Amino acid sequence: MYLGRVLNEELLRISVKIPKKTLRRMIKGLCKSMGVTRIEDDALLVLGDELEKICRKVLKEASELASHARRKVIKVEDVLLVKIR
Protein backbone atom coordinates (compact mmCIF):
# COMPACT_ATOMS: atom_id res chain seq x y z
CA MET A 1 0.00 0.00 0.00
CA TYR A 2 2.81 2.42 0.85
CA LEU A 3 4.58 1.73 -2.45
CA GLY A 4 1.41 2.50 -4.40
CA ARG A 5 1.03 5.81 -2.58
CA VAL A 6 4.66 6.74 -3.23
CA LEU A 7 4.26 5.93 -6.92
CA ASN A 8 1.06 8.00 -7.13
CA GLU A 9 2.72 10.97 -5.44
CA GLU A 10 5.71 10.70 -7.77
CA LEU A 11 3.45 10.70 -10.83
CA LEU A 12 1.68 13.83 -9.57
CA ARG A 13 5.00 15.67 -9.13
CA ILE A 14 5.84 15.30 -12.80
CA SER A 15 5.14 18.63 -14.40
CA VAL A 16 3.07 18.09 -17.50
CA LYS A 17 1.66 21.24 -19.00
CA ILE A 18 -1.43 21.30 -21.15
CA PRO A 19 -0.45 22.77 -24.53
CA LYS A 20 -1.32 26.48 -24.60
CA LYS A 21 -3.25 26.19 -27.87
CA THR A 22 -5.41 23.41 -26.46
CA LEU A 23 -6.00 25.27 -23.22
CA ARG A 24 -6.82 28.50 -25.04
CA ARG A 25 -9.32 26.73 -27.31
CA MET A 26 -10.95 25.01 -24.34
CA ILE A 27 -11.29 28.21 -22.30
CA LYS A 28 -12.58 30.19 -25.29
CA GLY A 29 -15.19 27.46 -25.86
CA LEU A 30 -16.28 27.68 -22.23
CA CYS A 31 -16.44 31.46 -22.43
CA LYS A 32 -18.50 31.32 -25.60
CA SER A 33 -20.94 28.87 -24.02
CA MET A 34 -21.38 31.34 -21.15
CA GLY A 35 -21.92 34.32 -23.42
CA VAL A 36 -18.46 35.87 -22.93
CA THR A 37 -17.33 37.14 -26.32
CA ARG A 38 -13.99 38.76 -25.50
CA ILE A 39 -11.20 37.86 -23.08
CA GLU A 40 -7.63 39.14 -22.76
CA ASP A 41 -4.71 36.83 -23.50
CA ASP A 42 -3.35 37.39 -19.98
CA ALA A 43 -6.70 36.37 -18.53
CA LEU A 44 -6.54 33.16 -20.58
CA LEU A 45 -3.12 32.37 -19.12
CA VAL A 46 -4.29 33.00 -15.55
CA LEU A 47 -7.38 30.84 -16.09
CA GLY A 48 -5.20 28.09 -17.54
CA ASP A 49 -2.90 28.14 -14.51
CA GLU A 50 -5.86 28.01 -12.13
CA LEU A 51 -7.46 25.12 -14.04
CA GLU A 52 -4.21 23.19 -13.85
CA LYS A 53 -3.96 23.77 -10.08
CA ILE A 54 -7.51 22.54 -9.58
CA CYS A 55 -6.90 19.44 -11.70
CA ARG A 56 -3.71 18.60 -9.81
CA LYS A 57 -5.50 18.98 -6.46
CA VAL A 58 -8.40 16.76 -7.53
CA LEU A 59 -6.04 14.12 -8.97
CA LYS A 60 -3.90 14.11 -5.83
CA GLU A 61 -6.89 13.62 -3.52
CA ALA A 62 -8.50 11.05 -5.82
CA SER A 63 -5.20 9.18 -5.96
CA GLU A 64 -5.04 9.13 -2.16
CA LEU A 65 -8.59 7.75 -1.99
CA ALA A 66 -7.73 5.02 -4.50
CA SER A 67 -4.58 4.17 -2.58
CA HIS A 68 -6.54 3.99 0.68
CA ALA A 69 -8.89 1.51 -1.01
CA ARG A 70 -5.80 -0.49 -2.10
CA ARG A 71 -6.35 0.31 -5.75
CA LYS A 72 -3.96 1.68 -8.35
CA VAL A 73 -6.76 2.97 -10.57
CA ILE A 74 -8.65 6.18 -9.87
CA LYS A 75 -12.36 5.52 -10.29
CA VAL A 76 -15.27 7.86 -10.90
CA GLU A 77 -16.33 7.55 -7.28
CA ASP A 78 -12.90 8.78 -6.12
CA VAL A 79 -13.26 11.95 -8.18
CA LEU A 80 -16.85 12.44 -7.02
CA LEU A 81 -15.81 12.01 -3.38
CA VAL A 82 -13.19 14.72 -3.83
CA LYS A 83 -15.87 16.95 -5.29
CA ILE A 84 -18.16 16.64 -2.24
CA ARG A 85 -15.40 17.01 0.35
C-alpha atoms as a PDB file:
ATOM      1  CA  MET A   1       0.000   0.000   0.000  1.00  0.00           C
ATOM      2  CA  TYR A   2       2.811   2.415   0.846  1.00  0.00           C
ATOM      3  CA  LEU A   3       4.584   1.734  -2.447  1.00  0.00           C
ATOM      4  CA  GLY A   4       1.407   2.497  -4.400  1.00  0.00           C
ATOM      5  CA  ARG A   5       1.035   5.808  -2.575  1.00  0.00           C
ATOM      6  CA  VAL A   6       4.657   6.736  -3.230  1.00  0.00           C
ATOM      7  CA  LEU A   7       4.261   5.933  -6.924  1.00  0.00           C
ATOM      8  CA  ASN A   8       1.058   7.997  -7.134  1.00  0.00           C
ATOM      9  CA  GLU A   9       2.722  10.970  -5.440  1.00  0.00           C
ATOM     10  CA  GLU A  10       5.712  10.698  -7.768  1.00  0.00           C
ATOM     11  CA  LEU A  11       3.450  10.704 -10.826  1.00  0.00           C
ATOM     12  CA  LEU A  12       1.675  13.826  -9.569  1.00  0.00           C
ATOM     13  CA  ARG A  13       4.995  15.671  -9.129  1.00  0.00           C
ATOM     14  CA  ILE A  14       5.837  15.296 -12.802  1.00  0.00           C
ATOM     15  CA  SER A  15       5.144  18.632 -14.400  1.00  0.00           C
ATOM     16  CA  VAL A  16       3.074  18.093 -17.504  1.00  0.00           C
ATOM     17  CA  LYS A  17       1.664  21.245 -19.004  1.00  0.00           C
ATOM     18  CA  ILE A  18      -1.433  21.299 -21.154  1.00  0.00           C
ATOM     19  CA  PRO A  19      -0.448  22.774 -24.527  1.00  0.00           C
ATOM     20  CA  LYS A  20      -1.321  26.479 -24.604  1.00  0.00           C
ATOM     21  CA  LYS A  21      -3.253  26.190 -27.867  1.00  0.00           C
ATOM     22  CA  THR A  22      -5.412  23.408 -26.461  1.00  0.00           C
ATOM     23  CA  LEU A  23      -6.001  25.272 -23.218  1.00  0.00           C
ATOM     24  CA  ARG A  24      -6.817  28.499 -25.040  1.00  0.00           C
ATOM     25  CA  ARG A  25      -9.318  26.725 -27.313  1.00  0.00           C
ATOM     26  CA  MET A  26     -10.953  25.006 -24.339  1.00  0.00           C
ATOM     27  CA  ILE A  27     -11.289  28.207 -22.298  1.00  0.00           C
ATOM     28  CA  LYS A  28     -12.581  30.185 -25.286  1.00  0.00           C
ATOM     29  CA  GLY A  29     -15.194  27.462 -25.862  1.00  0.00           C
ATOM     30  CA  LEU A  30     -16.277  27.677 -22.226  1.00  0.00           C
ATOM     31  CA  CYS A  31     -16.442  31.461 -22.426  1.00  0.00           C
ATOM     32  CA  LYS A  32     -18.499  31.322 -25.604  1.00  0.00           C
ATOM     33  CA  SER A  33     -20.943  28.873 -24.021  1.00  0.00           C
ATOM     34  CA  MET A  34     -21.377  31.336 -21.148  1.00  0.00           C
ATOM     35  CA  GLY A  35     -21.916  34.322 -23.424  1.00  0.00           C
ATOM     36  CA  VAL A  36     -18.461  35.871 -22.934  1.00  0.00           C
ATOM     37  CA  THR A  37     -17.332  37.136 -26.322  1.00  0.00           C
ATOM     38  CA  ARG A  38     -13.991  38.763 -25.496  1.00  0.00           C
ATOM     39  CA  ILE A  39     -11.198  37.864 -23.082  1.00  0.00           C
ATOM     40  CA  GLU A  40      -7.628  39.138 -22.763  1.00  0.00           C
ATOM     41  CA  ASP A  41      -4.712  36.828 -23.498  1.00  0.00           C
ATOM     42  CA  ASP A  42      -3.348  37.387 -19.979  1.00  0.00           C
ATOM     43  CA  ALA A  43      -6.703  36.368 -18.530  1.00  0.00           C
ATOM     44  CA  LEU A  44      -6.544  33.156 -20.584  1.00  0.00           C
ATOM     45  CA  LEU A  45      -3.119  32.375 -19.122  1.00  0.00           C
ATOM     46  CA  VAL A  46      -4.291  32.998 -15.550  1.00  0.00           C
ATOM     47  CA  LEU A  47      -7.383  30.841 -16.090  1.00  0.00           C
ATOM     48  CA  GLY A  48      -5.199  28.094 -17.544  1.00  0.00           C
ATOM     49  CA  ASP A  49      -2.900  28.140 -14.512  1.00  0.00           C
ATOM     50  CA  GLU A  50      -5.856  28.014 -12.130  1.00  0.00           C
ATOM     51  CA  LEU A  51      -7.464  25.123 -14.036  1.00  0.00           C
ATOM     52  CA  GLU A  52      -4.215  23.185 -13.853  1.00  0.00           C
ATOM     53  CA  LYS A  53      -3.955  23.767 -10.078  1.00  0.00           C
ATOM     54  CA  ILE A  54      -7.512  22.542  -9.576  1.00  0.00           C
ATOM     55  CA  CYS A  55      -6.902  19.443 -11.698  1.00  0.00           C
ATOM     56  CA  ARG A  56      -3.709  18.600  -9.810  1.00  0.00           C
ATOM     57  CA  LYS A  57      -5.496  18.975  -6.456  1.00  0.00           C
ATOM     58  CA  VAL A  58      -8.404  16.757  -7.531  1.00  0.00           C
ATOM     59  CA  LEU A  59      -6.039  14.124  -8.971  1.00  0.00           C
ATOM     60  CA  LYS A  60      -3.895  14.115  -5.826  1.00  0.00           C
ATOM     61  CA  GLU A  61      -6.889  13.623  -3.522  1.00  0.00           C
ATOM     62  CA  ALA A  62      -8.503  11.047  -5.822  1.00  0.00           C
ATOM     63  CA  SER A  63      -5.198   9.184  -5.957  1.00  0.00           C
ATOM     64  CA  GLU A  64      -5.035   9.129  -2.157  1.00  0.00           C
ATOM     65  CA  LEU A  65      -8.590   7.746  -1.992  1.00  0.00           C
ATOM     66  CA  ALA A  66      -7.730   5.018  -4.505  1.00  0.00           C
ATOM     67  CA  SER A  67      -4.576   4.167  -2.585  1.00  0.00           C
ATOM     68  CA  HIS A  68      -6.543   3.990   0.677  1.00  0.00           C
ATOM     69  CA  ALA A  69      -8.893   1.510  -1.013  1.00  0.00           C
ATOM     70  CA  ARG A  70      -5.804  -0.494  -2.097  1.00  0.00           C
ATOM     71  CA  ARG A  71      -6.349   0.314  -5.753  1.00  0.00           C
ATOM     72  CA  LYS A  72      -3.961   1.680  -8.348  1.00  0.00           C
ATOM     73  CA  VAL A  73      -6.757   2.966 -10.568  1.00  0.00           C
ATOM     74  CA  ILE A  74      -8.653   6.178  -9.867  1.00  0.00           C
ATOM     75  CA  LYS A  75     -12.359   5.519 -10.293  1.00  0.00           C
ATOM     76  CA  VAL A  76     -15.271   7.859 -10.895  1.00  0.00           C
ATOM     77  CA  GLU A  77     -16.334   7.547  -7.279  1.00  0.00           C
ATOM     78  CA  ASP A  78     -12.895   8.781  -6.124  1.00  0.00           C
ATOM     79  CA  VAL A  79     -13.261  11.952  -8.179  1.00  0.00           C
ATOM     80  CA  LEU A  80     -16.850  12.439  -7.015  1.00  0.00           C
ATOM     81  CA  LEU A  81     -15.808  12.005  -3.376  1.00  0.00           C
ATOM     82  CA  VAL A  82     -13.191  14.715  -3.832  1.00  0.00           C
ATOM     83  CA  LYS A  83     -15.868  16.955  -5.291  1.00  0.00           C
ATOM     84  CA  ILE A  84     -18.164  16.637  -2.243  1.00  0.00           C
ATOM     85  CA  ARG A  85     -15.397  17.011   0.349  1.00  0.00           C
END
